[in-house]
C-alpha atoms as a PDB file:
ATOM      1  CA  MET A   1      -5.213  19.088  -6.278  1.00  0.00           C
ATOM      2  CA  VAL A   2      -7.254  18.644  -3.138  1.00  0.00           C
ATOM      3  CA  ASN A   3     -10.579  16.905  -2.570  1.00  0.00           C
ATOM      4  CA  ARG A   4     -13.870  18.516  -1.572  1.00  0.00           C
ATOM      5  CA  GLU A   5     -12.801  18.630   2.071  1.00  0.00           C
ATOM      6  CA  GLY A   6      -9.646  20.547   1.165  1.00  0.00           C
ATOM      7  CA  LYS A   7      -7.332  17.558   1.656  1.00  0.00           C
ATOM      8  CA  PHE A   8      -5.291  15.318  -0.568  1.00  0.00           C
ATOM      9  CA  PRO A   9      -6.788  11.840  -0.959  1.00  0.00           C
ATOM     10  CA  ASP A  10      -5.568   9.789   1.971  1.00  0.00           C
ATOM     11  CA  TRP A  11      -3.348   6.809   1.397  1.00  0.00           C
ATOM     12  CA  PRO A  12      -1.358   5.118   4.143  1.00  0.00           C
ATOM     13  CA  GLN A  13       2.380   5.759   4.245  1.00  0.00           C
ATOM     14  CA  ASP A  14       3.035   2.013   4.229  1.00  0.00           C
ATOM     15  CA  ASP A  15       1.689   0.785   0.886  1.00  0.00           C
ATOM     16  CA  SER A  16       2.826  -2.765   1.651  1.00  0.00           C
ATOM     17  CA  VAL A  17      -0.230  -3.418   3.838  1.00  0.00           C
ATOM     18  CA  TYR A  18      -2.593  -2.974   0.876  1.00  0.00           C
ATOM     19  CA  PRO A  19      -2.694  -5.053  -2.309  1.00  0.00           C
ATOM     20  CA  ASP A  20      -2.091  -3.106  -5.522  1.00  0.00           C
ATOM     21  CA  ASP A  21      -5.659  -3.687  -6.729  1.00  0.00           C
ATOM     22  CA  GLU A  22      -6.948  -1.714  -3.732  1.00  0.00           C
ATOM     23  CA  LYS A  23      -4.829   1.251  -4.776  1.00  0.00           C
ATOM     24  CA  LEU A  24      -6.465   1.548  -8.207  1.00  0.00           C
ATOM     25  CA  PRO A  25      -9.723   3.181  -6.980  1.00  0.00           C
ATOM     26  CA  TRP A  26      -7.652   5.689  -4.985  1.00  0.00           C
ATOM     27  CA  ALA A  27      -5.473   6.381  -8.029  1.00  0.00           C
ATOM     28  CA  ARG A  28      -8.491   6.942 -10.275  1.00  0.00           C
ATOM     29  CA  GLU A  29      -9.900   9.414  -7.746  1.00  0.00           C
ATOM     30  CA  VAL A  30      -6.594  11.323  -7.637  1.00  0.00           C
ATOM     31  CA  LEU A  31      -6.689  11.633 -11.419  1.00  0.00           C
ATOM     32  CA  ARG A  32     -10.332  12.780 -11.389  1.00  0.00           C
ATOM     33  CA  GLN A  33      -9.530  15.423  -8.769  1.00  0.00           C
ATOM     34  CA  ASN A  34      -6.814  16.703 -11.077  1.00  0.00           C
ATOM     35  CA  SER A  35      -9.167  16.941 -14.079  1.00  0.00           C
ATOM     36  CA  ILE A  36      -7.743  13.835 -15.757  1.00  0.00           C
ATOM     37  CA  ASN A  37     -10.201  11.248 -17.056  1.00  0.00           C
ATOM     38  CA  PRO A  38      -8.921   7.925 -15.642  1.00  0.00           C
ATOM     39  CA  GLU A  39     -11.207   5.854 -17.875  1.00  0.00           C
ATOM     40  CA  ARG A  40     -10.688   4.934 -21.504  1.00  0.00           C
ATOM     41  CA  ASP A  41     -13.359   6.470 -23.721  1.00  0.00           C
ATOM     42  CA  GLU A  42     -15.271   4.096 -25.995  1.00  0.00           C
ATOM     43  CA  ALA A  43     -13.745   5.696 -29.077  1.00  0.00           C
ATOM     44  CA  GLU A  44     -10.239   5.721 -27.548  1.00  0.00           C
ATOM     45  CA  SER A  45      -7.847   2.867 -28.323  1.00  0.00           C
ATOM     46  CA  ARG A  46      -5.635   1.420 -25.592  1.00  0.00           C
ATOM     47  CA  ALA A  47      -2.620   3.018 -27.250  1.00  0.00           C
ATOM     48  CA  ALA A  48      -4.359   6.409 -27.375  1.00  0.00           C
ATOM     49  CA  PHE A  49      -5.400   6.066 -23.715  1.00  0.00           C
ATOM     50  CA  ARG A  50      -1.827   5.322 -22.624  1.00  0.00           C
ATOM     51  CA  ALA A  51      -0.533   8.123 -24.845  1.00  0.00           C
ATOM     52  CA  ARG A  52      -2.981  10.569 -23.213  1.00  0.00           C
ATOM     53  CA  LEU A  53      -1.912   9.617 -19.678  1.00  0.00           C
ATOM     54  CA  THR A  54       1.759   9.625 -20.669  1.00  0.00           C
ATOM     55  CA  ALA A  55       1.383  13.095 -22.210  1.00  0.00           C
ATOM     56  CA  GLU A  56      -0.186  14.297 -18.958  1.00  0.00           C
ATOM     57  CA  ALA A  57       2.797  12.978 -16.988  1.00  0.00           C
ATOM     58  CA  ILE A  58       5.279  14.550 -19.404  1.00  0.00           C
ATOM     59  CA  ALA A  59       3.468  17.896 -19.162  1.00  0.00           C
ATOM     60  CA  ARG A  60       3.994  17.679 -15.388  1.00  0.00           C
ATOM     61  CA  GLY A  61       7.743  17.107 -15.808  1.00  0.00           C
ATOM     62  CA  TRP A  62       7.847  13.318 -15.556  1.00  0.00           C
ATOM     63  CA  GLU A  63       9.644  10.851 -17.816  1.00  0.00           C
ATOM     64  CA  VAL A  64       7.577   7.690 -18.326  1.00  0.00           C
ATOM     65  CA  ASP A  65       8.870   4.252 -19.274  1.00  0.00           C
ATOM     66  CA  ALA A  66       6.584   1.841 -21.122  1.00  0.00           C
ATOM     67  CA  PRO A  67       4.676  -0.667 -18.960  1.00  0.00           C
ATOM     68  CA  GLU A  68       6.668  -3.859 -18.396  1.00  0.00           C
ATOM     69  CA  PRO A  69       5.643  -7.239 -17.004  1.00  0.00           C
ATOM     70  CA  SER A  70       6.625  -7.571 -13.338  1.00  0.00           C
ATOM     71  CA  GLY A  71       5.887 -11.024 -11.992  1.00  0.00           C
ATOM     72  CA  SER A  72       2.151 -11.575 -12.378  1.00  0.00           C
ATOM     73  CA  ALA A  73       1.478  -7.843 -12.802  1.00  0.00           C
ATOM     74  CA  PHE A  74       2.823  -4.860 -14.724  1.00  0.00           C
ATOM     75  CA  SER A  75       4.947  -1.946 -13.601  1.00  0.00           C
ATOM     76  CA  VAL A  76       5.510   1.550 -14.932  1.00  0.00           C
ATOM     77  CA  VAL A  77       8.653   3.453 -13.978  1.00  0.00           C
ATOM     78  CA  MET A  78       8.510   7.244 -13.826  1.00  0.00           C
ATOM     79  CA  ARG A  79      11.121   9.806 -12.832  1.00  0.00           C
ATOM     80  CA  ASN A  80      11.356  13.555 -12.539  1.00  0.00           C
ATOM     81  CA  ALA A  81      14.479  15.717 -12.278  1.00  0.00           C
ATOM     82  CA  ALA A  82      14.635  15.541  -8.472  1.00  0.00           C
ATOM     83  CA  LEU A  83      14.299  11.753  -8.343  1.00  0.00           C
ATOM     84  CA  ALA A  84      16.744  11.255 -11.211  1.00  0.00           C
ATOM     85  CA  ALA A  85      19.321  13.462  -9.453  1.00  0.00           C
ATOM     86  CA  ALA A  86      18.970  11.267  -6.370  1.00  0.00           C
ATOM     87  CA  GLY A  87      19.258   8.083  -8.445  1.00  0.00           C
ATOM     88  CA  ARG A  88      15.685   7.114  -7.605  1.00  0.00           C
ATOM     89  CA  ASP A  89      12.450   6.521  -9.485  1.00  0.00           C
ATOM     90  CA  LEU A  90       8.748   6.030  -8.876  1.00  0.00           C
ATOM     91  CA  ARG A  91       7.053   2.734  -9.757  1.00  0.00           C
ATOM     92  CA  GLY A  92       3.382   2.036 -10.258  1.00  0.00           C
ATOM     93  CA  TYR A  93       2.085  -1.529 -10.244  1.00  0.00           C
ATOM     94  CA  GLY A  94      -1.167  -2.917 -11.599  1.00  0.00           C
ATOM     95  CA  ALA A  95      -2.838  -6.013 -12.981  1.00  0.00           C
ATOM     96  CA  THR A  96      -2.782  -4.442 -16.458  1.00  0.00           C
ATOM     97  CA  PRO A  97      -0.448  -1.972 -18.186  1.00  0.00           C
ATOM     98  CA  ASP A  98      -3.215   0.655 -17.994  1.00  0.00           C
ATOM     99  CA  ALA A  99      -3.723   0.118 -14.250  1.00  0.00           C
ATOM    100  CA  ALA A 100       0.020   0.389 -13.606  1.00  0.00           C
ATOM    101  CA  LEU A 101       0.150   3.684 -15.511  1.00  0.00           C
ATOM    102  CA  ILE A 102      -2.867   5.067 -13.623  1.00  0.00           C
ATOM    103  CA  VAL A 103      -1.284   4.189 -10.263  1.00  0.00           C
ATOM    104  CA  ALA A 104       2.108   5.614 -11.246  1.00  0.00           C
ATOM    105  CA  LEU A 105       0.575   8.874 -12.483  1.00  0.00           C
ATOM    106  CA  ALA A 106      -1.503   9.251  -9.307  1.00  0.00           C
ATOM    107  CA  ASP A 107       1.584   8.653  -7.159  1.00  0.00           C
ATOM    108  CA  ALA A 108       3.514  11.227  -9.202  1.00  0.00           C
ATOM    109  CA  ILE A 109       0.763  13.826  -8.801  1.00  0.00           C
ATOM    110  CA  THR A 110       0.597  13.141  -5.064  1.00  0.00           C
ATOM    111  CA  LEU A 111       4.381  13.488  -4.778  1.00  0.00           C
ATOM    112  CA  ASP A 112       4.297  16.765  -6.717  1.00  0.00           C
ATOM    113  CA  ASN A 113       1.569  18.107  -4.430  1.00  0.00           C
ATOM    114  CA  ALA A 114       3.309  17.094  -1.184  1.00  0.00           C
END
């Protein structure tokens, strides 16, 4: 999905120059632009929130691994048929399991739309 100006949300090609916590606002905006609520509703449990985002990824053809600790953060590994065939995967990192899933899903959507 594109933004109001008819473009995909910009993110530099070299993610290494930006800390992961700076990517979270971008990732939330990507989800919003694709009609996905990136915030947990008050009545929604953490498990239900993760299940909702995971279901969205699965509906888009992505396999999603559960968030795992990765150093001082968390990571979520996702793969689609094309990445799996190439022996690759997509990883989202965040300070929390929810943040890692949001970043991974936004990256997956951006990859699908490229």
